[in-house]
Amino acid sequence: MEIATHMVLFANVVDHGSFSATARSLGLTPSAVSKQIGHLEDRLGVRLLNRSTRHISLTEEGQVFYKRCAEIAVGVSEAEALAISLGKRPQGTLRVAATVAFGKSQLLPILPAFLKDHPDLGFKLDLTDQHVDMTESGYDLAIRFTEQIDDSSLIACKLAKNLRVICASPAYAEEFGMPETLDDLSRHNCLRISTVNHWNDWHFGKGTEEKIFHAAGNFETDSADAIYHAALAGLGVARLSTYLVGDDIREGRLLHLLPAHCDEQSDIVALYPDRRNLSPKVRAFVDFLVEKFRPVPPWELPEAKRHLARSAAA
């Protein structure tokens, strides 16, 4: 045992008045306690306790040594209580990475409610569509899509289905027409993303009915958020998530093209390193996200879906 542990044990023996009482409080045997105090005396080269068959008493050296040991024992007890309290209350700084579009459209609007409920917590948010290394980056949590997960050791908590649809601005459709079939997409300027190449493979349907269209066009960018704004500007046809374009389709800023075809291959997930001893701040944020986005995320609620369907029919 380390010297500090011996010192705390010695203070306990003095406070309890006997080896047997100390042993009962710690779940040890009296002989084990006596042996450890003997090791401490041997290490120090002084006798700390006078022992009789029924009693113990402090030597002069033991009285001086006990004062310092008692201070250390109190400090250890206070540190333990502090650690336990930290394990129960979210505090410190929560470092989160999120994709740009999801962070801006869905995460930022709900953060005030989370931080209001956790006034001792700071929040550092990085918005990036680039690869995130959870081990090297120091992030507590990342919000990504399933196709961005490249580390099987991470815990992935599903927040929502990431439904993607084909859309374009009314101005683009007026100038270049609207595709009637998936094959027609090859004659349109499809907006591409550069961060994850296979995101340019647009998947439609499932199983044997699945079809894949490889998007091609004269515009490429590193962010789905930039693709979104490029589509609004009329640069071309985009495949974008309903969490991002639902309002725009409902309000006519974008047209829902090929409504019979959508991409349902992806989920939105919260990623964190380990479920064991999960810090209170991460646990609180994951619980908050699950509450906000499950079982049905707000952009997929029946009313929002009815608006989307009416816009597609029009």
C-alpha atoms as a PDB file:
ATOM      1  CA  MET A   1       0.000   0.000   0.000  1.00  0.00           C
ATOM      2  CA  GLU A   2       1.200   3.560  -0.673  1.00  0.00           C
ATOM      3  CA  ILE A   3       2.269   5.828   2.171  1.00  0.00           C
ATOM      4  CA  ALA A   4      -0.791   8.072   1.736  1.00  0.00           C
ATOM      5  CA  THR A   5      -3.091   5.062   2.068  1.00  0.00           C
ATOM      6  CA  HIS A   6      -1.236   3.972   5.211  1.00  0.00           C
ATOM      7  CA  MET A   7      -1.586   7.451   6.661  1.00  0.00           C
ATOM      8  CA  VAL A   8      -5.357   7.503   6.064  1.00  0.00           C
ATOM      9  CA  LEU A   9      -5.632   4.042   7.636  1.00  0.00           C
ATOM     10  CA  PHE A  10      -3.622   5.197  10.667  1.00  0.00           C
ATOM     11  CA  ALA A  11      -5.935   8.182  11.151  1.00  0.00           C
ATOM     12  CA  ASN A  12      -8.933   5.835  10.983  1.00  0.00           C
ATOM     13  CA  VAL A  13      -7.426   3.562  13.639  1.00  0.00           C
ATOM     14  CA  VAL A  14      -6.889   6.470  15.985  1.00  0.00           C
ATOM     15  CA  ASP A  15     -10.386   7.859  15.323  1.00  0.00           C
ATOM     16  CA  HIS A  16     -12.038   4.456  15.901  1.00  0.00           C
ATOM     17  CA  GLY A  17      -9.909   3.681  18.948  1.00  0.00           C
ATOM     18  CA  SER A  18      -9.069   0.089  17.978  1.00  0.00           C
ATOM     19  CA  PHE A  19      -7.995  -2.202  15.172  1.00  0.00           C
ATOM     20  CA  SER A  20     -11.209  -4.208  15.365  1.00  0.00           C
ATOM     21  CA  ALA A  21     -13.507  -1.169  15.031  1.00  0.00           C
ATOM     22  CA  THR A  22     -11.454   0.123  12.113  1.00  0.00           C
ATOM     23  CA  ALA A  23     -11.531  -3.320  10.484  1.00  0.00           C
ATOM     24  CA  ARG A  24     -15.327  -3.496  10.765  1.00  0.00           C
ATOM     25  CA  SER A  25     -15.736  -0.069   9.130  1.00  0.00           C
ATOM     26  CA  LEU A  26     -13.497  -1.023   6.209  1.00  0.00           C
ATOM     27  CA  GLY A  27     -14.547  -4.648   5.743  1.00  0.00           C
ATOM     28  CA  LEU A  28     -11.106  -5.976   6.755  1.00  0.00           C
ATOM     29  CA  THR A  29      -9.803  -8.220   9.513  1.00  0.00           C
ATOM     30  CA  PRO A  30      -8.200  -6.722  12.653  1.00  0.00           C
ATOM     31  CA  SER A  31      -4.976  -8.600  11.882  1.00  0.00           C
ATOM     32  CA  ALA A  32      -4.829  -7.058   8.386  1.00  0.00           C
ATOM     33  CA  VAL A  33      -5.229  -3.554   9.831  1.00  0.00           C
ATOM     34  CA  SER A  34      -2.607  -4.209  12.518  1.00  0.00           C
ATOM     35  CA  LYS A  35      -0.211  -5.563   9.903  1.00  0.00           C
ATOM     36  CA  GLN A  36      -0.527  -2.461   7.719  1.00  0.00           C
ATOM     37  CA  ILE A  37       0.080  -0.136  10.665  1.00  0.00           C
ATOM     38  CA  GLY A  38       3.157  -2.238  11.472  1.00  0.00           C
ATOM     39  CA  HIS A  39       4.403  -1.729   7.893  1.00  0.00           C
ATOM     40  CA  LEU A  40       3.895   2.032   8.300  1.00  0.00           C
ATOM     41  CA  GLU A  41       5.899   2.065  11.553  1.00  0.00           C
ATOM     42  CA  ASP A  42       8.685   0.035   9.933  1.00  0.00           C
ATOM     43  CA  ARG A  43       8.788   2.464   7.003  1.00  0.00           C
ATOM     44  CA  LEU A  44       8.981   5.485   9.292  1.00  0.00           C
ATOM     45  CA  GLY A  45      11.311   3.860  11.793  1.00  0.00           C
ATOM     46  CA  VAL A  46       9.218   4.964  14.793  1.00  0.00           C
ATOM     47  CA  ARG A  47       6.508   3.427  16.959  1.00  0.00           C
ATOM     48  CA  LEU A  48       3.220   5.253  16.512  1.00  0.00           C
ATOM     49  CA  LEU A  49       0.965   3.232  18.817  1.00  0.00           C
ATOM     50  CA  ASN A  50       1.273   1.599  22.188  1.00  0.00           C
ATOM     51  CA  ARG A  51      -0.623  -1.688  22.058  1.00  0.00           C
ATOM     52  CA  SER A  52      -2.164  -3.759  24.817  1.00  0.00           C
ATOM     53  CA  THR A  53      -4.554  -6.688  24.637  1.00  0.00           C
ATOM     54  CA  ARG A  54      -7.552  -4.321  24.810  1.00  0.00           C
ATOM     55  CA  HIS A  55      -6.421  -0.805  24.024  1.00  0.00           C
ATOM     56  CA  ILE A  56      -4.196   1.277  21.817  1.00  0.00           C
ATOM     57  CA  SER A  57      -2.737   4.674  22.610  1.00  0.00           C
ATOM     58  CA  LEU A  58      -0.636   7.162  20.717  1.00  0.00           C
ATOM     59  CA  THR A  59       3.060   7.536  21.368  1.00  0.00           C
ATOM     60  CA  GLU A  60       4.494  11.043  21.412  1.00  0.00           C
ATOM     61  CA  GLU A  61       5.635  10.587  17.817  1.00  0.00           C
ATOM     62  CA  GLY A  62       2.250   9.142  16.965  1.00  0.00           C
ATOM     63  CA  GLN A  63       0.446  12.220  18.305  1.00  0.00           C
ATOM     64  CA  VAL A  64       2.456  14.533  16.035  1.00  0.00           C
ATOM     65  CA  PHE A  65       2.085  12.228  13.043  1.00  0.00           C
ATOM     66  CA  TYR A  66      -1.667  11.765  13.603  1.00  0.00           C
ATOM     67  CA  LYS A  67      -2.370  15.491  13.127  1.00  0.00           C
ATOM     68  CA  ARG A  68      -0.983  15.414   9.582  1.00  0.00           C
ATOM     69  CA  CYS A  69      -2.638  12.080   8.824  1.00  0.00           C
ATOM     70  CA  ALA A  70      -6.001  13.425   9.979  1.00  0.00           C
ATOM     71  CA  GLU A  71      -5.628  16.422   7.641  1.00  0.00           C
ATOM     72  CA  ILE A  72      -4.861  14.092   4.722  1.00  0.00           C
ATOM     73  CA  ALA A  73      -7.812  11.834   5.603  1.00  0.00           C
ATOM     74  CA  VAL A  74     -10.149  14.829   5.584  1.00  0.00           C
ATOM     75  CA  GLY A  75      -8.723  15.978   2.243  1.00  0.00           C
ATOM     76  CA  VAL A  76      -9.188  12.523   0.727  1.00  0.00           C
ATOM     77  CA  SER A  77     -12.775  12.400   1.983  1.00  0.00           C
ATOM     78  CA  GLU A  78     -13.525  15.835   0.539  1.00  0.00           C
ATOM     79  CA  ALA A  79     -11.918  14.911  -2.808  1.00  0.00           C
ATOM     80  CA  GLU A  80     -13.981  11.716  -2.957  1.00  0.00           C
ATOM     81  CA  ALA A  81     -17.182  13.639  -2.215  1.00  0.00           C
ATOM     82  CA  LEU A  82     -16.278  16.170  -4.926  1.00  0.00           C
ATOM     83  CA  ALA A  83     -15.640  13.420  -7.491  1.00  0.00           C
ATOM     84  CA  ILE A  84     -18.954  11.784  -6.657  1.00  0.00           C
ATOM     85  CA  SER A  85     -20.776  15.104  -7.039  1.00  0.00           C
ATOM     86  CA  LEU A  86     -19.062  15.689 -10.394  1.00  0.00           C
ATOM     87  CA  GLY A  87     -20.315  12.281 -11.462  1.00  0.00           C
ATOM     88  CA  LYS A  88     -23.896  13.298 -10.812  1.00  0.00           C
ATOM     89  CA  ARG A  89     -24.129  16.867 -12.127  1.00  0.00           C
ATOM     90  CA  PRO A  90     -23.301  17.914 -15.711  1.00  0.00           C
ATOM     91  CA  GLN A  91     -20.597  20.552 -15.621  1.00  0.00           C
ATOM     92  CA  GLY A  92     -17.416  21.574 -17.371  1.00  0.00           C
ATOM     93  CA  THR A  93     -17.312  22.029 -21.147  1.00  0.00           C
ATOM     94  CA  LEU A  94     -19.071  19.698 -23.575  1.00  0.00           C
ATOM     95  CA  ARG A  95     -17.208  19.466 -26.891  1.00  0.00           C
ATOM     96  CA  VAL A  96     -19.447  18.479 -29.785  1.00  0.00           C
ATOM     97  CA  ALA A  97     -18.875  18.099 -33.536  1.00  0.00           C
ATOM     98  CA  ALA A  98     -21.840  18.164 -35.928  1.00  0.00           C
ATOM     99  CA  THR A  99     -22.297  18.281 -39.668  1.00  0.00           C
ATOM    100  CA  VAL A 100     -22.748  21.849 -40.883  1.00  0.00           C
ATOM    101  CA  ALA A 101     -26.297  21.605 -42.208  1.00  0.00           C
ATOM    102  CA  PHE A 102     -27.687  19.615 -39.287  1.00  0.00           C
ATOM    103  CA  GLY A 103     -25.903  21.785 -36.756  1.00  0.00           C
ATOM    104  CA  LYS A 104     -27.264  25.014 -38.204  1.00  0.00           C
ATOM    105  CA  SER A 105     -30.800  23.869 -38.993  1.00  0.00           C
ATOM    106  CA  GLN A 106     -31.598  21.480 -36.127  1.00  0.00           C
ATOM    107  CA  LEU A 107     -29.029  21.652 -33.331  1.00  0.00           C
ATOM    108  CA  LEU A 108     -28.545  25.382 -32.761  1.00  0.00           C
ATOM    109  CA  PRO A 109     -32.292  26.091 -32.406  1.00  0.00           C
ATOM    110  CA  ILE A 110     -32.642  23.631 -29.499  1.00  0.00           C
ATOM    111  CA  LEU A 111     -29.393  24.413 -27.651  1.00  0.00           C
ATOM    112  CA  PRO A 112     -30.838  27.287 -25.569  1.00  0.00           C
ATOM    113  CA  ALA A 113     -33.256  24.874 -23.890  1.00  0.00           C
ATOM    114  CA  PHE A 114     -30.452  22.410 -23.101  1.00  0.00           C
ATOM    115  CA  LEU A 115     -28.116  25.037 -21.661  1.00  0.00           C
ATOM    116  CA  LYS A 116     -30.932  26.606 -19.655  1.00  0.00           C
ATOM    117  CA  ASP A 117     -31.465  23.244 -17.946  1.00  0.00           C
ATOM    118  CA  HIS A 118     -27.701  22.873 -17.283  1.00  0.00           C
ATOM    119  CA  PRO A 119     -26.375  26.282 -16.157  1.00  0.00           C
ATOM    120  CA  ASP A 120     -23.031  24.850 -14.967  1.00  0.00           C
ATOM    121  CA  LEU A 121     -22.215  23.496 -18.414  1.00  0.00           C
ATOM    122  CA  GLY A 122     -20.243  25.173 -21.190  1.00  0.00           C
ATOM    123  CA  PHE A 123     -20.706  24.134 -24.826  1.00  0.00           C
ATOM    124  CA  LYS A 124     -18.139  24.129 -27.645  1.00  0.00           C
ATOM    125  CA  LEU A 125     -19.612  23.291 -31.046  1.00  0.00           C
ATOM    126  CA  ASP A 126     -17.567  22.630 -34.181  1.00  0.00           C
ATOM    127  CA  LEU A 127     -19.511  22.430 -37.435  1.00  0.00           C
ATOM    128  CA  THR A 128     -17.719  20.332 -40.034  1.00  0.00           C
ATOM    129  CA  ASP A 129     -18.517  17.804 -42.734  1.00  0.00           C
ATOM    130  CA  GLN A 130     -14.915  16.585 -42.688  1.00  0.00           C
ATOM    131  CA  HIS A 131     -13.849  13.303 -41.076  1.00  0.00           C
ATOM    132  CA  VAL A 132     -13.765  13.473 -37.272  1.00  0.00           C
ATOM    133  CA  ASP A 133     -11.353  11.297 -35.282  1.00  0.00           C
ATOM    134  CA  MET A 134     -13.053  10.889 -31.909  1.00  0.00           C
ATOM    135  CA  THR A 135      -9.871   9.531 -30.307  1.00  0.00           C
ATOM    136  CA  GLU A 136      -7.495  12.286 -31.394  1.00  0.00           C
ATOM    137  CA  SER A 137      -9.849  15.268 -31.531  1.00  0.00           C
ATOM    138  CA  GLY A 138     -10.953  15.341 -27.911  1.00  0.00           C
ATOM    139  CA  TYR A 139     -14.652  15.602 -28.806  1.00  0.00           C
ATOM    140  CA  ASP A 140     -17.064  14.249 -26.232  1.00  0.00           C
ATOM    141  CA  LEU A 141     -19.705  13.539 -28.853  1.00  0.00           C
ATOM    142  CA  ALA A 142     -20.253  13.869 -32.596  1.00  0.00           C
ATOM    143  CA  ILE A 143     -23.475  14.002 -34.598  1.00  0.00           C
ATOM    144  CA  ARG A 144     -22.918  12.256 -37.926  1.00  0.00           C
ATOM    145  CA  PHE A 145     -24.579  10.011 -40.510  1.00  0.00           C
ATOM    146  CA  THR A 146     -24.153   6.247 -40.500  1.00  0.00           C
ATOM    147  CA  GLU A 147     -22.022   6.303 -43.654  1.00  0.00           C
ATOM    148  CA  GLN A 148     -19.497   8.504 -41.809  1.00  0.00           C
ATOM    149  CA  ILE A 149     -18.836   5.903 -39.093  1.00  0.00           C
ATOM    150  CA  ASP A 150     -15.450   4.276 -39.631  1.00  0.00           C
ATOM    151  CA  ASP A 151     -14.666   3.128 -36.075  1.00  0.00           C
ATOM    152  CA  SER A 152     -16.589   0.114 -34.790  1.00  0.00           C
ATOM    153  CA  SER A 153     -15.484   0.799 -31.206  1.00  0.00           C
ATOM    154  CA  LEU A 154     -17.655   3.931 -31.020  1.00  0.00           C
ATOM    155  CA  ILE A 155     -21.131   3.844 -29.527  1.00  0.00           C
ATOM    156  CA  ALA A 156     -23.752   5.015 -32.042  1.00  0.00           C
ATOM    157  CA  CYS A 157     -27.117   6.157 -30.708  1.00  0.00           C
ATOM    158  CA  LYS A 158     -29.680   6.548 -33.488  1.00  0.00           C
ATOM    159  CA  LEU A 159     -31.485   9.877 -33.340  1.00  0.00           C
ATOM    160  CA  ALA A 160     -33.569   9.768 -36.523  1.00  0.00           C
ATOM    161  CA  LYS A 161     -33.868   8.362 -40.024  1.00  0.00           C
ATOM    162  CA  ASN A 162     -32.080  10.583 -42.536  1.00  0.00           C
ATOM    163  CA  LEU A 163     -34.539  10.655 -45.426  1.00  0.00           C
ATOM    164  CA  ARG A 164     -33.099  12.313 -48.543  1.00  0.00           C
ATOM    165  CA  VAL A 165     -35.156  13.658 -51.468  1.00  0.00           C
ATOM    166  CA  ILE A 166     -34.436  15.136 -54.901  1.00  0.00           C
ATOM    167  CA  CYS A 167     -35.156  18.836 -55.267  1.00  0.00           C
ATOM    168  CA  ALA A 168     -34.425  21.947 -57.309  1.00  0.00           C
ATOM    169  CA  SER A 169     -35.497  25.564 -57.331  1.00  0.00           C
ATOM    170  CA  PRO A 170     -38.504  26.733 -59.372  1.00  0.00           C
ATOM    171  CA  ALA A 171     -36.130  28.899 -61.439  1.00  0.00           C
ATOM    172  CA  TYR A 172     -33.997  25.889 -62.368  1.00  0.00           C
ATOM    173  CA  ALA A 173     -37.078  23.797 -63.250  1.00  0.00           C
ATOM    174  CA  GLU A 174     -38.478  26.585 -65.393  1.00  0.00           C
ATOM    175  CA  GLU A 175     -35.262  26.880 -67.392  1.00  0.00           C
ATOM    176  CA  PHE A 176     -34.255  23.210 -67.679  1.00  0.00           C
ATOM    177  CA  GLY A 177     -37.479  21.308 -67.043  1.00  0.00           C
ATOM    178  CA  MET A 178     -38.276  18.682 -64.436  1.00  0.00           C
ATOM    179  CA  PRO A 179     -37.038  15.073 -64.601  1.00  0.00           C
ATOM    180  CA  GLU A 180     -39.860  12.560 -64.970  1.00  0.00           C
ATOM    181  CA  THR A 181     -37.769   9.428 -64.346  1.00  0.00           C
ATOM    182  CA  LEU A 182     -34.478   8.555 -62.664  1.00  0.00           C
ATOM    183  CA  ASP A 183     -32.905   8.188 -66.101  1.00  0.00           C
ATOM    184  CA  ASP A 184     -33.815  11.802 -66.811  1.00  0.00           C
ATOM    185  CA  LEU A 185     -31.439  12.910 -64.034  1.00  0.00           C
ATOM    186  CA  SER A 186     -28.488  12.172 -66.318  1.00  0.00           C
ATOM    187  CA  ARG A 187     -29.581  15.124 -68.450  1.00  0.00           C
ATOM    188  CA  HIS A 188     -29.572  17.535 -65.515  1.00  0.00           C
ATOM    189  CA  ASN A 189     -26.848  19.389 -63.640  1.00  0.00           C
ATOM    190  CA  CYS A 190     -26.609  17.447 -60.372  1.00  0.00           C
ATOM    191  CA  LEU A 191     -24.849  19.091 -57.460  1.00  0.00           C
ATOM    192  CA  ARG A 192     -21.981  17.071 -55.950  1.00  0.00           C
ATOM    193  CA  ILE A 193     -20.303  16.971 -52.557  1.00  0.00           C
ATOM    194  CA  SER A 194     -16.539  16.506 -52.285  1.00  0.00           C
ATOM    195  CA  THR A 195     -16.106  15.350 -48.674  1.00  0.00           C
ATOM    196  CA  VAL A 196     -17.512  11.809 -49.039  1.00  0.00           C
ATOM    197  CA  ASN A 197     -17.334  10.600 -52.642  1.00  0.00           C
ATOM    198  CA  HIS A 198     -19.927   7.849 -52.305  1.00  0.00           C
ATOM    199  CA  TRP A 199     -22.464  10.468 -51.223  1.00  0.00           C
ATOM    200  CA  ASN A 200     -22.608  11.261 -54.938  1.00  0.00           C
ATOM    201  CA  ASP A 201     -24.052   7.786 -55.497  1.00  0.00           C
ATOM    202  CA  TRP A 202     -27.746   8.457 -54.981  1.00  0.00           C
ATOM    203  CA  HIS A 203     -29.521   5.349 -53.735  1.00  0.00           C
ATOM    204  CA  PHE A 204     -33.221   4.777 -54.350  1.00  0.00           C
ATOM    205  CA  GLY A 205     -35.345   1.842 -53.217  1.00  0.00           C
ATOM    206  CA  LYS A 206     -34.187  -1.247 -51.321  1.00  0.00           C
ATOM    207  CA  GLY A 207     -32.980  -4.779 -51.970  1.00  0.00           C
ATOM    208  CA  THR A 208     -33.484  -6.051 -55.508  1.00  0.00           C
ATOM    209  CA  GLU A 209     -35.430  -2.866 -56.300  1.00  0.00           C
ATOM    210  CA  GLU A 210     -32.541  -0.602 -55.378  1.00  0.00           C
ATOM    211  CA  LYS A 211     -31.253   1.760 -58.032  1.00  0.00           C
ATOM    212  CA  ILE A 212     -28.108   3.865 -57.857  1.00  0.00           C
ATOM    213  CA  PHE A 213     -27.574   7.071 -59.800  1.00  0.00           C
ATOM    214  CA  HIS A 214     -24.093   8.624 -59.883  1.00  0.00           C
ATOM    215  CA  ALA A 215     -24.525  12.375 -59.684  1.00  0.00           C
ATOM    216  CA  ALA A 216     -22.589  14.422 -62.240  1.00  0.00           C
ATOM    217  CA  GLY A 217     -22.501  18.139 -62.897  1.00  0.00           C
ATOM    218  CA  ASN A 218     -20.395  21.277 -63.013  1.00  0.00           C
ATOM    219  CA  PHE A 219     -20.653  22.238 -59.326  1.00  0.00           C
ATOM    220  CA  GLU A 220     -19.015  20.553 -56.340  1.00  0.00           C
ATOM    221  CA  THR A 221     -18.556  21.729 -52.753  1.00  0.00           C
ATOM    222  CA  ASP A 222     -17.419  20.369 -49.396  1.00  0.00           C
ATOM    223  CA  SER A 223     -20.619  20.910 -47.414  1.00  0.00           C
ATOM    224  CA  ALA A 224     -24.231  19.755 -47.651  1.00  0.00           C
ATOM    225  CA  ASP A 225     -25.143  23.201 -46.371  1.00  0.00           C
ATOM    226  CA  ALA A 226     -23.445  24.733 -49.414  1.00  0.00           C
ATOM    227  CA  ILE A 227     -25.265  22.247 -51.684  1.00  0.00           C
ATOM    228  CA  TYR A 228     -28.505  23.401 -50.086  1.00  0.00           C
ATOM    229  CA  HIS A 229     -27.815  27.066 -50.798  1.00  0.00           C
ATOM    230  CA  ALA A 230     -26.631  26.222 -54.314  1.00  0.00           C
ATOM    231  CA  ALA A 231     -29.953  24.474 -54.956  1.00  0.00           C
ATOM    232  CA  LEU A 232     -31.859  27.500 -53.662  1.00  0.00           C
ATOM    233  CA  ALA A 233     -29.805  29.678 -56.005  1.00  0.00           C
ATOM    234  CA  GLY A 234     -30.827  27.548 -58.999  1.00  0.00           C
ATOM    235  CA  LEU A 235     -27.456  25.968 -59.766  1.00  0.00           C
ATOM    236  CA  GLY A 236     -28.853  22.484 -60.243  1.00  0.00           C
ATOM    237  CA  VAL A 237     -30.624  19.414 -58.877  1.00  0.00           C
ATOM    238  CA  ALA A 238     -29.715  18.272 -55.371  1.00  0.00           C
ATOM    239  CA  ARG A 239     -30.310  15.292 -53.145  1.00  0.00           C
ATOM    240  CA  LEU A 240     -30.863  16.710 -49.663  1.00  0.00           C
ATOM    241  CA  SER A 241     -32.219  15.621 -46.310  1.00  0.00           C
ATOM    242  CA  THR A 242     -35.809  16.394 -45.386  1.00  0.00           C
ATOM    243  CA  TYR A 243     -34.655  17.938 -42.095  1.00  0.00           C
ATOM    244  CA  LEU A 244     -33.000  20.608 -44.228  1.00  0.00           C
ATOM    245  CA  VAL A 245     -35.397  21.192 -47.134  1.00  0.00           C
ATOM    246  CA  GLY A 246     -38.814  20.358 -45.682  1.00  0.00           C
ATOM    247  CA  ASP A 247     -39.736  23.976 -44.971  1.00  0.00           C
ATOM    248  CA  ASP A 248     -38.418  25.149 -48.340  1.00  0.00           C
ATOM    249  CA  ILE A 249     -40.497  22.580 -50.208  1.00  0.00           C
ATOM    250  CA  ARG A 250     -43.555  23.438 -48.159  1.00  0.00           C
ATOM    251  CA  GLU A 251     -43.136  27.150 -48.863  1.00  0.00           C
ATOM    252  CA  GLY A 252     -42.254  26.785 -52.547  1.00  0.00           C
ATOM    253  CA  ARG A 253     -38.605  27.801 -52.453  1.00  0.00           C
ATOM    254  CA  LEU A 254     -37.694  24.309 -53.659  1.00  0.00           C
ATOM    255  CA  LEU A 255     -39.596  21.730 -55.704  1.00  0.00           C
ATOM    256  CA  HIS A 256     -39.749  18.093 -54.648  1.00  0.00           C
ATOM    257  CA  LEU A 257     -38.716  16.152 -57.761  1.00  0.00           C
ATOM    258  CA  LEU A 258     -39.373  12.464 -58.394  1.00  0.00           C
ATOM    259  CA  PRO A 259     -41.395  12.079 -55.156  1.00  0.00           C
ATOM    260  CA  ALA A 260     -41.754   8.335 -55.696  1.00  0.00           C
ATOM    261  CA  HIS A 261     -38.001   8.001 -55.218  1.00  0.00           C
ATOM    262  CA  CYS A 262     -36.177   8.806 -51.996  1.00  0.00           C
ATOM    263  CA  ASP A 263     -33.025   7.643 -50.241  1.00  0.00           C
ATOM    264  CA  GLU A 264     -33.627   5.866 -46.927  1.00  0.00           C
ATOM    265  CA  GLN A 265     -30.181   4.294 -46.495  1.00  0.00           C
ATOM    266  CA  SER A 266     -28.888   6.596 -43.740  1.00  0.00           C
ATOM    267  CA  ASP A 267     -29.531   7.414 -40.080  1.00  0.00           C
ATOM    268  CA  ILE A 268     -28.560  10.436 -38.010  1.00  0.00           C
ATOM    269  CA  VAL A 269     -26.563   9.232 -35.008  1.00  0.00           C
ATOM    270  CA  ALA A 270     -24.855  10.544 -31.886  1.00  0.00           C
ATOM    271  CA  LEU A 271     -21.364   9.048 -31.574  1.00  0.00           C
ATOM    272  CA  TYR A 272     -19.386   8.815 -28.348  1.00  0.00           C
ATOM    273  CA  PRO A 273     -16.400   6.706 -27.269  1.00  0.00           C
ATOM    274  CA  ASP A 274     -17.611   4.442 -24.459  1.00  0.00           C
ATOM    275  CA  ARG A 275     -20.836   3.575 -22.658  1.00  0.00           C
ATOM    276  CA  ARG A 276     -19.047   2.692 -19.398  1.00  0.00           C
ATOM    277  CA  ASN A 277     -18.713   5.518 -16.885  1.00  0.00           C
ATOM    278  CA  LEU A 278     -20.289   7.892 -19.368  1.00  0.00           C
ATOM    279  CA  SER A 279     -19.772  11.419 -18.098  1.00  0.00           C
ATOM    280  CA  PRO A 280     -22.885  13.223 -16.837  1.00  0.00           C
ATOM    281  CA  LYS A 281     -22.526  15.958 -19.455  1.00  0.00           C
ATOM    282  CA  VAL A 282     -22.514  13.459 -22.350  1.00  0.00           C
ATOM    283  CA  ARG A 283     -25.304  11.398 -20.825  1.00  0.00           C
ATOM    284  CA  ALA A 284     -27.429  14.520 -20.334  1.00  0.00           C
ATOM    285  CA  PHE A 285     -26.919  15.679 -23.928  1.00  0.00           C
ATOM    286  CA  VAL A 286     -27.630  12.261 -25.451  1.00  0.00           C
ATOM    287  CA  ASP A 287     -30.828  12.009 -23.392  1.00  0.00           C
ATOM    288  CA  PHE A 288     -31.796  15.505 -24.543  1.00  0.00           C
ATOM    289  CA  LEU A 289     -31.232  14.655 -28.224  1.00  0.00           C
ATOM    290  CA  VAL A 290     -33.211  11.428 -27.939  1.00  0.00           C
ATOM    291  CA  GLU A 291     -36.075  13.328 -26.322  1.00  0.00           C
ATOM    292  CA  LYS A 292     -36.087  15.918 -29.122  1.00  0.00           C
ATOM    293  CA  PHE A 293     -35.713  13.613 -32.125  1.00  0.00           C
ATOM    294  CA  ARG A 294     -37.307  10.274 -31.174  1.00  0.00           C
ATOM    295  CA  PRO A 295     -39.490   8.450 -31.911  1.00  0.00           C
ATOM    296  CA  VAL A 296     -40.438  10.880 -34.711  1.00  0.00           C
ATOM    297  CA  PRO A 297     -38.254  13.929 -35.445  1.00  0.00           C
ATOM    298  CA  PRO A 298     -40.092  17.258 -35.790  1.00  0.00           C
ATOM    299  CA  TRP A 299     -39.442  17.523 -39.540  1.00  0.00           C
ATOM    300  CA  GLU A 300     -41.112  14.111 -40.072  1.00  0.00           C
ATOM    301  CA  LEU A 301     -44.226  14.730 -37.963  1.00  0.00           C
ATOM    302  CA  PRO A 302     -47.501  13.984 -39.798  1.00  0.00           C
ATOM    303  CA  GLU A 303     -48.291  17.641 -40.473  1.00  0.00           C
ATOM    304  CA  ALA A 304     -44.857  18.286 -41.978  1.00  0.00           C
ATOM    305  CA  LYS A 305     -45.126  15.142 -44.129  1.00  0.00           C
ATOM    306  CA  ARG A 306     -48.575  16.171 -45.392  1.00  0.00           C
ATOM    307  CA  HIS A 307     -47.156  19.512 -46.505  1.00  0.00           C
ATOM    308  CA  LEU A 308     -44.306  17.700 -48.261  1.00  0.00           C
ATOM    309  CA  ALA A 309     -46.731  15.351 -50.024  1.00  0.00           C
ATOM    310  CA  ARG A 310     -49.016  18.203 -51.154  1.00  0.00           C
ATOM    311  CA  SER A 311     -46.002  20.095 -52.540  1.00  0.00           C
ATOM    312  CA  ALA A 312     -44.824  17.029 -54.440  1.00  0.00           C
ATOM    313  CA  ALA A 313     -48.311  16.456 -55.901  1.00  0.00           C
ATOM    314  CA  ALA A 314     -48.534  20.047 -57.041  1.00  0.00           C
END
